[in-house]
Each structure stands twice: as structure tokens, then as C-alpha cells.
Protein backbone atom coordinates (compact mmCIF):
# COMPACT_ATOMS: atom_id res chain seq x y z
CA MET A 1 15.52 1.57 -17.47
CA GLU A 2 11.86 0.47 -17.60
CA PRO A 3 9.14 3.21 -17.50
CA ARG A 4 8.02 1.86 -14.11
CA SER A 5 11.60 2.35 -12.84
CA HIS A 6 11.62 5.89 -14.21
CA PHE A 7 8.48 6.64 -12.24
CA ALA A 8 9.96 5.01 -9.09
CA ALA A 9 13.03 7.26 -9.43
CA ILE A 10 10.77 10.32 -9.64
CA VAL A 11 8.76 9.17 -6.61
CA GLU A 12 12.03 8.71 -4.71
CA PHE A 13 13.14 12.22 -5.75
CA TYR A 14 9.82 13.61 -4.50
CA GLY A 15 10.19 11.76 -1.20
CA THR A 16 13.65 13.21 -0.66
CA HIS A 17 13.09 16.78 -1.89
CA LYS A 18 9.31 17.19 -1.25
CA ARG A 19 8.90 18.72 -4.69
CA MET A 20 8.47 17.46 -8.22
CA PRO A 21 11.55 17.55 -10.43
CA PRO A 22 11.64 19.79 -13.51
CA TYR A 23 12.10 18.20 -16.96
CA ARG A 24 15.90 18.52 -16.83
CA GLU A 25 16.01 16.64 -13.53
CA ILE A 26 13.62 13.97 -14.88
CA MET A 27 15.94 13.66 -17.87
CA ARG A 28 18.89 13.01 -15.53
CA LEU A 29 16.95 10.62 -13.25
CA ALA A 30 15.74 8.53 -16.18
CA GLY A 31 19.01 8.63 -18.13
CA PHE A 32 17.42 10.38 -21.09
CA ARG A 33 19.37 12.54 -23.52
CA SER A 34 16.66 15.14 -24.05
CA THR A 35 13.96 16.97 -22.16
CA ASN A 36 11.58 15.88 -24.93
CA ALA A 37 11.89 12.27 -23.70
CA ALA A 38 11.20 13.48 -20.14
CA SER A 39 8.13 15.32 -21.42
CA LYS A 40 6.85 12.14 -23.11
CA LEU A 41 7.35 10.18 -19.88
CA VAL A 42 5.32 12.79 -17.99
CA ARG A 43 2.52 12.74 -20.55
CA SER A 44 2.37 8.92 -20.52
CA SER A 45 2.24 8.89 -16.71
CA SER A 46 -0.39 11.57 -16.23
CA HIS A 47 -3.44 9.46 -17.08
CA SER A 48 -4.97 10.24 -13.69
CA SER A 49 -7.50 13.03 -13.35
CA SER A 50 -5.82 14.28 -10.17
CA SER A 51 -2.20 15.24 -10.63
CA ILE A 52 0.63 17.28 -9.23
CA ARG A 53 2.36 19.85 -11.40
CA THR A 54 6.11 20.19 -11.54
CA PRO A 55 7.75 23.62 -11.96
CA LYS A 56 7.54 23.37 -15.77
CA GLU A 57 3.94 22.05 -15.80
CA CYS A 58 4.99 18.39 -15.72
CA SER A 59 2.32 16.34 -14.02
CA PHE A 60 2.18 12.95 -12.36
CA PRO A 61 -0.70 11.15 -10.66
CA SER A 62 -1.05 12.59 -7.18
CA GLN A 63 -2.14 9.38 -5.46
CA SER A 64 1.52 8.39 -5.22
CA PHE A 65 2.55 11.63 -3.54
CA SER A 66 -0.32 12.82 -1.39
CA GLU A 67 0.28 13.94 2.16
CA LEU A 68 -2.34 14.51 4.82
CA ARG A 69 -2.22 16.95 7.72
CA VAL A 70 -1.77 15.44 11.17
CA LEU A 71 -3.82 17.56 13.56
CA GLY A 72 -3.30 15.56 16.74
CA THR A 73 -5.06 12.71 18.46
CA ASP A 74 -8.70 12.31 19.36
CA GLU A 75 -10.61 10.22 21.88
CA ALA A 76 -13.50 9.42 19.52
CA GLY A 77 -14.98 12.89 19.85
CA LEU A 78 -14.72 16.04 17.80
CA PRO A 79 -11.73 18.29 18.51
CA ALA A 80 -12.55 21.81 19.59
CA PRO A 81 -11.37 24.36 17.00
CA ALA A 82 -9.00 25.91 19.54
CA GLU A 83 -7.33 22.51 20.03
CA GLU A 84 -6.60 21.93 16.35
CA ALA A 85 -2.97 22.51 15.56
CA LEU A 86 -1.03 21.28 12.57
CA LEU A 87 1.51 18.86 14.04
CA ASP A 88 2.95 17.45 10.84
CA THR A 89 2.06 15.99 7.48
CA LEU A 90 2.00 12.30 6.70
CA SER A 91 2.29 10.49 3.40
CA LEU A 92 0.19 7.36 3.52
CA ASP A 93 2.51 5.79 0.93
CA GLU A 94 5.51 6.29 3.20
CA TYR A 95 3.61 5.27 6.34
CA LEU A 96 2.04 2.06 5.02
CA ILE A 97 4.17 0.83 2.13
CA ARG A 98 7.69 -0.46 2.69
CA ASN A 99 8.16 -1.98 -0.76
CA LYS A 100 5.97 -0.32 -3.38
CA GLU A 101 6.87 -2.79 -6.13
CA ALA A 102 5.75 -5.76 -3.98
CA SER A 103 2.59 -4.15 -2.54
CA TYR A 104 -0.98 -4.32 -3.81
CA LEU A 105 -4.60 -4.15 -2.62
CA LEU A 106 -7.07 -7.02 -2.36
CA GLY A 107 -10.81 -6.76 -1.80
CA VAL A 108 -12.23 -8.72 1.13
CA GLN A 109 -15.17 -11.11 0.83
CA GLY A 110 -16.52 -13.21 3.66
CA ASP A 111 -16.44 -12.83 7.42
CA SER A 112 -13.76 -15.28 8.56
CA MET A 113 -11.46 -12.45 9.74
CA ILE A 114 -13.97 -10.16 11.50
CA ASP A 115 -12.41 -10.58 14.95
CA ALA A 116 -9.15 -9.24 13.48
CA GLY A 117 -11.08 -6.15 12.31
CA ILE A 118 -11.21 -7.21 8.65
CA LEU A 119 -14.79 -6.95 7.38
CA PRO A 120 -16.50 -7.84 4.09
CA GLY A 121 -16.10 -4.92 1.69
CA ASP A 122 -12.77 -3.80 3.20
CA SER A 123 -9.56 -3.76 1.23
CA VAL A 124 -6.29 -5.09 2.57
CA LEU A 125 -2.88 -3.76 1.65
CA VAL A 126 -0.54 -6.71 1.23
CA GLU A 127 3.14 -7.11 0.52
CA ARG A 128 4.37 -10.05 -1.54
CA SER A 129 6.42 -12.30 0.71
CA ALA A 130 6.83 -16.03 1.25
CA ASP A 131 8.05 -15.43 4.80
CA ALA A 132 5.55 -15.19 7.61
CA LYS A 133 5.90 -15.01 11.37
CA ASP A 134 3.50 -16.49 13.89
CA GLY A 135 0.45 -14.25 14.14
CA ASP A 136 0.87 -12.62 10.71
CA ILE A 137 -2.23 -12.43 8.55
CA VAL A 138 -1.28 -14.07 5.28
CA ILE A 139 -2.69 -14.64 1.83
CA ALA A 140 -1.96 -18.30 1.18
CA GLU A 141 -2.84 -20.95 -1.36
CA VAL A 142 -3.79 -24.17 0.42
CA ASP A 143 -4.47 -27.24 -1.70
CA GLY A 144 -5.43 -25.03 -4.66
CA GLU A 145 -7.64 -22.54 -2.74
CA TRP A 146 -6.71 -18.98 -1.69
CA LYS A 147 -7.25 -18.03 1.93
CA MET A 148 -6.65 -15.01 4.19
CA LYS A 149 -5.87 -16.33 7.68
CA LEU A 150 -3.60 -15.99 10.71
CA PHE A 151 -0.38 -17.97 10.26
CA TRP A 152 0.88 -20.28 13.05
CA LYS A 153 3.72 -22.78 12.93
CA GLN A 154 4.63 -25.41 15.54
CA GLY A 155 7.60 -27.47 14.47
CA ARG A 156 6.65 -28.95 11.10
CA ARG A 157 2.93 -28.35 11.63
CA VAL A 158 1.45 -25.25 9.98
CA ALA A 159 -2.02 -23.98 10.78
CA LEU A 160 -4.04 -21.17 9.29
CA GLU A 161 -6.52 -19.76 11.81
CA PRO A 162 -9.61 -17.73 11.04
CA ALA A 163 -10.43 -14.74 13.22
CA ASN A 164 -14.03 -15.88 13.64
CA LYS A 165 -15.01 -18.76 15.95
CA GLN A 166 -17.64 -19.93 13.46
CA TYR A 167 -14.90 -21.23 11.14
CA PRO A 168 -12.49 -24.13 11.70
CA SER A 169 -8.70 -23.90 11.63
CA ILE A 170 -6.93 -25.21 8.58
CA VAL A 171 -4.09 -27.60 9.32
CA VAL A 172 -2.01 -27.80 6.17
CA GLN A 173 -1.91 -31.42 5.07
CA LYS A 174 -0.45 -31.24 1.59
CA ARG A 175 0.64 -28.05 -0.05
CA MET A 176 0.64 -24.43 1.08
CA ARG A 177 2.18 -21.38 -0.59
CA ILE A 178 2.26 -18.00 1.11
CA ALA A 179 1.87 -15.25 -1.47
CA ALA A 180 1.67 -12.15 0.73
CA VAL A 181 1.44 -10.74 4.24
CA VAL A 182 -1.32 -8.26 5.18
CA ILE A 183 0.12 -4.85 6.12
CA ALA A 184 -3.03 -2.75 6.62
CA VAL A 185 -6.81 -2.75 6.38
CA ILE A 186 -8.56 0.01 4.47
CA ARG A 187 -12.22 0.75 5.13
CA LYS A 188 -14.24 3.45 3.43
CA TYR A 189 -17.25 4.53 5.50
CA HIS A 190 -18.92 6.84 2.99
CA ALA A 191 -19.01 6.76 -0.78
């Protein structure tokens, strides 16, 4: 089993049990014969400055496991303290990512997708896929250039549409390869 697969098994364990496994459980998950090998896996995976500790002080990067409190909904105002109530917790990994191995982030440059709410400086979460449905925002290579556009197909005709009227549609004449489909937009307002 590859180290990346070991880590995926541990993430899956965490998702199911909502706790980090101890060394003996990591040993079983990874197919190791000793807890020493599990300890080495933990040490090699804990390069992040923020980490979660397992019962025996094993640590893994917390960005793969973080959950946020869900306090309710808001109509673009501030909730009154009396209205705040913990409804649930939500893992952004579980909420946004269906296939972790096929997902990655891309930085956004340019303004051709602003009417779809994708602005310069944003990041988009994408999932590798060659399949796209009408209206999906795709990352596609068209005649040797990479584009992020809305995908539309009519019969044999394929068009990639910008979400900004200042830019023309791209009707694929020669070659197009879809690399990924956009799943989410991530925008950081404050540094």
C-alpha cells in the first residue's frame, strides 16, 4: 500500500469514527507488522504546523479533518447572541470533496467568469473528470490553451461560454480536452 493510501485509510477511519486511530489501529489499517512502522508513518505525515493528536500522541495534518460549527442561517446581518445555537458541525472536506484523490485547487486569473461569481484572485476546487454536462464550469484545453468556461453541447457542436459579456464564446473547431469540472469557488476576504 502506498503512503498516500495509508493516509487515505486513516482519513476514512476518522470520518467513520470521528476520532484519530491509535498506533495499533494505524498498524492494522496500513497492513504494518509493528507499531514502529505506524509511528514512522505518523511522523512523515505530520509536516504541517497544525495537527490533530491521536490518543498516543500520533499527529496528522488537521486540514484534512477540520470541522466547523454550524450556528444557523443568516440574512446578511449579525445574529443576536440569544439566537446562536450550535446546530451541527460540518467538515468542509466531506461537504465539498467527493473524490479526494481527483480533487485539487486552481488559482483564478482574469475576469471572464465574473458573472458566474468567479473573480480574479479566487481559487476554484476542481475534480478531474473528462465528463461534463451542459452548464458545468470546466477546465478545458482548447487548441493548446487552457480555459475555464461554461460547457455547452448541441449535437456534435461544443461551445465554451464565458460568464462575462465582454468575451466571445469559443466554438471548438479542432481539439478540446476536458481536464476537470469546477466544484466550488473559494474566496478569502481578509488575509
